[in-house]
Amino acid sequence: MKQNVVQAASSPLTGIALKVISVAIFVGMSTAIKLAGQVPAGQIVFYRSFFAIFPILVFLACRGELRTAVVTKRPVGHIMRGLAGVTAMGFGFFALTQLPLPEAITLNYAQPLLVVVFSALILGENVRAYRWTAVAVGLVGVLIVSWPNLTLFTSPGGVSDKAAMGALAAIIGAGLSAIAMLLVRNLVHTERTATIVLWFSLTASVMALFSIPFGWQSLTWQQTALLVTGGFCGGIAQLFMTEAYRHAEASTVAPFEYTSLLLGIAVGYLVFGDLPTIHTLVGGIIVIAAGIFIIWREQRLGLERQAVKKASSPQ
């Protein structure tokens, strides 16, 4: 652990670069899945989870950690995390098939805001006025982004049921993803990162198979290739993201998650011909500002806790 802290302090630029690369690959994953067209969400989850395992296994083999990667004393914790994560993934992928890429990405930014909410409500963490204010402002931004898709009866021409369901699915997926993140927070106290990642990919792959009776479909070879590519991208991006946090502190790296909105806008326009709406741009800026404030606040509180702990420790 101390070794990782030293690395974090010595190479923040490396950490930032790895994070941006991981974000770009995750956007590539989303693009591949969206290009695959209308595929059942459970089927997408299976391809995303199962084919992500292969780059993870190669990485673990190179580090000599393959044999012990799945060893755990907390299988129930991993399964609970897998259930929350795979459900969140399903809702998120459904939203991706129904919404323009920039909107789907922006609505997912509700996740870190909801982590704060659930931390207070479920874990009883002490959340002060600053962070509650940031969460409230951020959720207003989410509402701005999603409002055009939710005003079915107030808009003159209305919007499609498809867009409305996509927006709702994105928000539900963000909420479930926040719960999964809380479960991960609990696991990291005793489990290695490689174990958490591999267990999630394995459990998500198995759980996705239970969606077969609800309507998997025959795929063209192009769809299969795109979904397999999405799975590999997901696994590779996860590895880059993990390595990013080994080289720099979370508060340094995390804000660069929001570069995905810029990449999403560029890819959405170049590949799908989607232009971001004013709601997406304004709401996105508000959500990003709120998220960065929360990250900054977490860093400040962490420094304060370290100072108190250092002052109270025996000399």
Protein backbone atom coordinates (compact mmCIF):
# COMPACT_ATOMS: atom_id res chain seq x y z
CA MET A 1 0.00 0.00 0.00
CA LYS A 2 2.81 2.42 0.92
CA GLN A 3 4.52 1.65 -2.35
CA ASN A 4 1.40 2.64 -4.28
CA VAL A 5 1.22 5.94 -2.37
CA VAL A 6 4.79 6.74 -3.35
CA GLN A 7 3.97 6.01 -7.00
CA ALA A 8 0.89 8.20 -6.79
CA ALA A 9 2.95 11.13 -5.54
CA SER A 10 5.73 10.66 -8.12
CA SER A 11 3.87 10.30 -11.44
CA PRO A 12 0.58 12.23 -11.56
CA LEU A 13 0.99 12.99 -15.28
CA THR A 14 1.24 9.26 -15.99
CA GLY A 15 -1.92 8.68 -13.98
CA ILE A 16 -3.78 11.42 -15.85
CA ALA A 17 -2.61 10.08 -19.23
CA LEU A 18 -3.74 6.54 -18.34
CA LYS A 19 -7.11 7.86 -17.15
CA VAL A 20 -7.72 9.80 -20.38
CA ILE A 21 -6.77 6.70 -22.39
CA SER A 22 -9.21 4.59 -20.36
CA VAL A 23 -11.99 7.14 -20.89
CA ALA A 24 -11.32 7.18 -24.64
CA ILE A 25 -11.48 3.37 -24.78
CA PHE A 26 -14.71 3.34 -22.76
CA VAL A 27 -16.22 5.79 -25.27
CA GLY A 28 -15.01 3.43 -28.01
CA MET A 29 -16.80 0.60 -26.19
CA SER A 30 -20.03 2.62 -26.06
CA THR A 31 -19.67 3.51 -29.75
CA ALA A 32 -19.23 -0.14 -30.75
CA ILE A 33 -22.29 -1.16 -28.72
CA LYS A 34 -24.40 1.65 -30.17
CA LEU A 35 -23.30 0.74 -33.72
CA ALA A 36 -24.52 -2.82 -33.09
CA GLY A 37 -28.07 -1.44 -33.16
CA GLN A 38 -31.12 -2.77 -31.34
CA VAL A 39 -29.79 -5.71 -29.33
CA PRO A 40 -31.39 -6.88 -26.04
CA ALA A 41 -29.67 -5.29 -23.05
CA GLY A 42 -28.98 -8.66 -21.36
CA GLN A 43 -27.26 -9.92 -24.48
CA ILE A 44 -25.09 -6.80 -24.62
CA VAL A 45 -24.17 -7.26 -20.95
CA PHE A 46 -23.02 -10.82 -21.65
CA TYR A 47 -20.74 -9.81 -24.53
CA ARG A 48 -19.41 -6.81 -22.59
CA SER A 49 -18.65 -8.91 -19.50
CA PHE A 50 -17.51 -12.20 -21.00
CA PHE A 51 -15.08 -10.80 -23.58
CA ALA A 52 -13.68 -8.33 -21.04
CA ILE A 53 -12.32 -11.33 -19.15
CA PHE A 54 -9.69 -12.16 -21.80
CA PRO A 55 -7.56 -8.98 -21.60
CA ILE A 56 -7.89 -9.10 -17.81
CA LEU A 57 -6.57 -12.69 -17.74
CA VAL A 58 -3.64 -11.75 -19.99
CA PHE A 59 -2.81 -8.83 -17.69
CA LEU A 60 -2.97 -11.03 -14.58
CA ALA A 61 -0.82 -13.69 -16.23
CA CYS A 62 1.84 -11.09 -17.07
CA ARG A 63 1.86 -9.98 -13.41
CA GLY A 64 2.00 -13.56 -12.15
CA GLU A 65 -1.32 -13.13 -10.31
CA LEU A 66 -3.47 -15.47 -12.36
CA ARG A 67 -3.60 -18.36 -9.86
CA THR A 68 -4.70 -16.28 -6.92
CA ALA A 69 -6.91 -13.78 -8.76
CA VAL A 70 -10.22 -15.47 -7.87
CA VAL A 71 -9.25 -16.42 -4.31
CA THR A 72 -11.55 -14.62 -1.88
CA LYS A 73 -13.07 -14.95 1.57
CA ARG A 74 -16.06 -12.81 0.59
CA PRO A 75 -17.88 -14.49 -2.32
CA VAL A 76 -21.26 -13.16 -1.15
CA GLY A 77 -19.96 -9.60 -1.26
CA HIS A 78 -18.72 -10.11 -4.83
CA ILE A 79 -22.03 -11.66 -5.90
CA MET A 80 -24.01 -8.74 -4.41
CA ARG A 81 -21.74 -6.29 -6.19
CA GLY A 82 -22.16 -8.30 -9.38
CA LEU A 83 -25.95 -8.26 -9.12
CA ALA A 84 -26.06 -4.49 -8.63
CA GLY A 85 -23.42 -3.87 -11.29
CA VAL A 86 -24.91 -6.12 -13.96
CA THR A 87 -28.38 -4.61 -13.48
CA ALA A 88 -26.90 -1.11 -13.73
CA MET A 89 -25.03 -2.15 -16.85
CA GLY A 90 -28.21 -3.51 -18.41
CA PHE A 91 -30.11 -0.26 -17.83
CA GLY A 92 -27.13 1.75 -19.08
CA PHE A 93 -26.79 -0.24 -22.28
CA PHE A 94 -30.53 -0.04 -22.92
CA ALA A 95 -30.28 3.75 -22.57
CA LEU A 96 -27.34 3.76 -24.97
CA THR A 97 -29.45 2.08 -27.65
CA GLN A 98 -32.27 4.60 -27.21
CA LEU A 99 -30.48 7.95 -26.77
CA PRO A 100 -27.87 10.01 -28.62
CA LEU A 101 -24.38 9.20 -27.35
CA PRO A 102 -23.71 12.59 -25.63
CA GLU A 103 -26.98 12.39 -23.66
CA ALA A 104 -26.38 8.80 -22.54
CA ILE A 105 -22.88 9.72 -21.34
CA THR A 106 -24.04 12.90 -19.56
CA LEU A 107 -26.88 11.20 -17.68
CA ASN A 108 -24.40 8.64 -16.38
CA TYR A 109 -22.65 11.50 -14.57
CA ALA A 110 -25.42 11.30 -11.98
CA GLN A 111 -23.61 8.29 -10.50
CA PRO A 112 -20.99 10.10 -8.36
CA LEU A 113 -23.69 12.49 -7.12
CA LEU A 114 -25.89 9.57 -6.07
CA VAL A 115 -22.94 7.92 -4.34
CA VAL A 116 -22.94 10.87 -1.93
CA VAL A 117 -26.70 10.55 -1.37
CA PHE A 118 -26.58 6.79 -0.75
CA SER A 119 -23.48 7.12 1.45
CA ALA A 120 -25.54 9.30 3.78
CA LEU A 121 -28.80 7.34 3.59
CA ILE A 122 -27.45 3.78 3.58
CA LEU A 123 -24.06 3.97 5.29
CA GLY A 124 -24.88 6.84 7.63
CA GLU A 125 -21.86 8.87 6.53
CA ASN A 126 -21.73 12.49 7.68
CA VAL A 127 -22.39 14.61 4.59
CA ARG A 128 -22.17 18.33 5.22
CA ALA A 129 -23.99 21.24 3.61
CA TYR A 130 -21.31 21.87 0.97
CA ARG A 131 -21.64 18.42 -0.57
CA TRP A 132 -25.44 18.36 -0.25
CA THR A 133 -25.54 21.67 -2.13
CA ALA A 134 -23.25 20.29 -4.84
CA VAL A 135 -25.43 17.18 -5.17
CA ALA A 136 -28.59 19.29 -5.45
CA VAL A 137 -27.02 21.51 -8.12
CA GLY A 138 -25.71 18.48 -10.00
CA LEU A 139 -29.10 16.78 -10.00
CA VAL A 140 -30.63 19.97 -11.41
CA GLY A 141 -28.13 19.58 -14.25
CA VAL A 142 -29.25 15.96 -14.76
CA LEU A 143 -32.87 17.16 -14.85
CA ILE A 144 -31.99 19.76 -17.49
CA VAL A 145 -30.39 17.11 -19.69
CA SER A 146 -33.25 14.64 -19.31
CA TRP A 147 -36.18 17.09 -19.32
CA PRO A 148 -36.79 17.12 -23.12
CA ASN A 149 -37.07 13.33 -23.04
CA LEU A 150 -39.41 13.27 -20.05
CA THR A 151 -41.93 15.95 -21.10
CA LEU A 152 -44.03 13.65 -23.28
CA PHE A 153 -47.24 15.58 -22.74
CA THR A 154 -46.00 19.16 -22.48
CA SER A 155 -43.87 19.30 -25.62
CA PRO A 156 -45.83 20.46 -28.72
CA GLY A 157 -44.87 17.47 -30.81
CA GLY A 158 -43.98 15.23 -27.91
CA VAL A 159 -40.94 13.00 -27.91
CA SER A 160 -40.83 9.31 -28.61
CA ASP A 161 -41.51 6.72 -25.93
CA LYS A 162 -38.12 5.35 -26.94
CA ALA A 163 -36.31 8.54 -25.83
CA ALA A 164 -38.29 8.78 -22.60
CA MET A 165 -37.57 5.16 -21.67
CA GLY A 166 -33.92 5.69 -22.54
CA ALA A 167 -33.62 8.71 -20.23
CA LEU A 168 -35.34 6.90 -17.36
CA ALA A 169 -33.15 3.83 -17.88
CA ALA A 170 -30.00 5.99 -17.81
CA ILE A 171 -30.99 7.57 -14.49
CA ILE A 172 -31.97 4.21 -12.94
CA GLY A 173 -28.70 2.72 -14.20
CA ALA A 174 -26.74 5.56 -12.60
CA GLY A 175 -28.50 4.92 -9.28
CA LEU A 176 -27.75 1.19 -9.35
CA SER A 177 -24.17 1.93 -10.38
CA ALA A 178 -23.84 4.16 -7.32
CA ILE A 179 -25.00 1.28 -5.11
CA ALA A 180 -22.47 -1.01 -6.81
CA MET A 181 -19.78 1.57 -6.08
CA LEU A 182 -20.64 1.52 -2.37
CA LEU A 183 -20.31 -2.28 -2.41
CA VAL A 184 -16.90 -1.92 -4.08
CA ARG A 185 -15.85 0.55 -1.38
CA ASN A 186 -16.61 -2.15 1.16
CA LEU A 187 -14.75 -4.84 -0.76
CA VAL A 188 -11.53 -2.88 -1.26
CA HIS A 189 -10.79 -3.05 2.46
CA THR A 190 -10.01 -6.77 2.17
CA GLU A 191 -9.88 -7.62 -1.56
CA ARG A 192 -7.34 -6.88 -4.27
CA THR A 193 -8.34 -4.86 -7.31
CA ALA A 194 -7.66 -7.78 -9.66
CA THR A 195 -9.95 -10.03 -7.61
CA ILE A 196 -12.77 -7.47 -7.61
CA VAL A 197 -12.54 -6.87 -11.38
CA LEU A 198 -12.33 -10.54 -12.31
CA TRP A 199 -15.14 -11.62 -9.98
CA PHE A 200 -17.37 -8.91 -11.42
CA SER A 201 -16.72 -9.95 -15.02
CA LEU A 202 -17.37 -13.61 -14.17
CA THR A 203 -20.54 -13.00 -12.16
CA ALA A 204 -21.89 -10.50 -14.69
CA SER A 205 -21.35 -13.01 -17.52
CA VAL A 206 -23.24 -15.74 -15.64
CA MET A 207 -26.05 -13.43 -14.53
CA ALA A 208 -26.50 -12.10 -18.06
CA LEU A 209 -27.29 -15.63 -19.23
CA PHE A 210 -30.48 -15.56 -17.14
CA SER A 211 -31.82 -12.95 -19.56
CA ILE A 212 -31.87 -15.44 -22.46
CA PRO A 213 -35.57 -16.35 -21.95
CA PHE A 214 -36.45 -12.66 -22.20
CA GLY A 215 -35.48 -12.43 -25.83
CA TRP A 216 -31.93 -12.83 -27.08
CA GLN A 217 -31.76 -12.51 -30.84
CA SER A 218 -29.70 -13.88 -33.71
CA LEU A 219 -26.88 -11.51 -34.56
CA THR A 220 -25.28 -10.66 -37.86
CA TRP A 221 -21.55 -11.12 -38.06
CA GLN A 222 -21.16 -7.32 -37.96
CA GLN A 223 -23.16 -7.09 -34.73
CA THR A 224 -21.18 -9.95 -33.20
CA ALA A 225 -17.88 -8.31 -34.14
CA LEU A 226 -19.00 -4.97 -32.67
CA LEU A 227 -20.18 -6.51 -29.38
CA VAL A 228 -17.00 -8.60 -29.02
CA THR A 229 -14.99 -5.43 -29.69
CA GLY A 230 -17.03 -3.64 -27.04
CA GLY A 231 -16.23 -6.39 -24.55
CA PHE A 232 -12.50 -6.27 -25.23
CA CYS A 233 -12.56 -2.47 -25.01
CA GLY A 234 -14.33 -2.68 -21.66
CA GLY A 235 -11.70 -5.00 -20.21
CA ILE A 236 -8.76 -3.00 -21.57
CA ALA A 237 -10.26 0.30 -20.37
CA GLN A 238 -10.77 -1.17 -16.91
CA LEU A 239 -7.09 -2.11 -16.76
CA PHE A 240 -5.94 1.35 -17.83
CA MET A 241 -8.24 2.93 -15.26
CA THR A 242 -6.90 0.68 -12.50
CA GLU A 243 -3.32 1.53 -13.41
CA ALA A 244 -4.17 5.25 -13.48
CA TYR A 245 -5.11 5.12 -9.81
CA ARG A 246 -1.84 3.39 -9.01
CA HIS A 247 0.14 6.35 -10.37
CA ALA A 248 -1.89 9.30 -9.06
CA GLU A 249 -4.31 10.14 -6.29
CA ALA A 250 -8.01 9.69 -7.00
CA SER A 251 -8.67 13.42 -6.57
CA THR A 252 -6.10 14.13 -9.31
CA VAL A 253 -7.35 11.53 -11.76
CA ALA A 254 -11.13 11.48 -11.25
CA PRO A 255 -12.00 14.87 -12.86
CA PHE A 256 -10.64 13.62 -16.19
CA GLU A 257 -13.61 11.23 -16.34
CA TYR A 258 -15.51 14.20 -17.72
CA THR A 259 -13.43 14.26 -20.91
CA SER A 260 -15.84 11.52 -22.01
CA LEU A 261 -18.47 14.20 -22.69
CA LEU A 262 -16.20 15.96 -25.19
CA LEU A 263 -15.29 12.65 -26.82
CA GLY A 264 -18.95 11.60 -26.81
CA ILE A 265 -19.98 14.82 -28.56
CA ALA A 266 -17.24 14.38 -31.19
CA VAL A 267 -18.01 10.71 -31.83
CA GLY A 268 -21.76 11.33 -31.73
CA TYR A 269 -21.46 13.93 -34.47
CA LEU A 270 -18.84 12.18 -36.64
CA VAL A 271 -20.26 8.65 -36.42
CA PHE A 272 -23.98 9.07 -35.75
CA GLY A 273 -24.66 12.62 -36.92
CA ASP A 274 -25.95 13.60 -33.45
CA LEU A 275 -25.58 17.22 -32.40
CA PRO A 276 -25.75 17.93 -28.66
CA THR A 277 -28.79 19.95 -27.62
CA ILE A 278 -28.55 23.10 -25.54
CA HIS A 279 -30.05 21.08 -22.67
CA THR A 280 -27.22 18.54 -22.91
CA LEU A 281 -24.52 21.23 -22.98
CA VAL A 282 -25.90 23.40 -20.17
CA GLY A 283 -26.90 20.45 -17.99
CA GLY A 284 -23.60 18.71 -18.67
CA ILE A 285 -21.60 21.74 -17.56
CA ILE A 286 -23.63 21.98 -14.34
CA VAL A 287 -23.22 18.28 -13.55
CA ILE A 288 -19.47 18.37 -14.28
CA ALA A 289 -18.98 21.45 -12.08
CA ALA A 290 -20.87 19.78 -9.22
CA GLY A 291 -18.89 16.56 -9.62
CA ILE A 292 -15.53 18.35 -9.61
CA PHE A 293 -16.55 20.31 -6.51
CA ILE A 294 -17.41 17.06 -4.70
CA ILE A 295 -14.05 15.56 -5.70
CA TRP A 296 -12.26 18.68 -4.43
CA ARG A 297 -14.26 18.61 -1.20
CA GLU A 298 -13.44 14.92 -0.66
CA GLN A 299 -9.75 15.73 -1.10
CA ARG A 300 -9.92 18.56 1.44
CA LEU A 301 -11.73 16.37 3.98
CA GLY A 302 -9.17 13.62 3.42
CA LEU A 303 -6.32 16.03 4.13
CA GLU A 304 -8.08 17.24 7.29
CA ARG A 305 -8.56 13.67 8.52
CA GLN A 306 -4.90 12.88 7.88
CA ALA A 307 -3.83 16.00 9.79
CA VAL A 308 -6.04 15.10 12.77
CA LYS A 309 -4.79 11.51 12.76
CA LYS A 310 -1.17 12.67 12.60
CA ALA A 311 -1.69 15.19 15.42
CA SER A 312 -3.33 12.61 17.67
CA SER A 313 -0.81 9.82 17.06
CA PRO A 314 1.91 9.30 19.71
CA GLN A 315 5.26 10.81 18.83
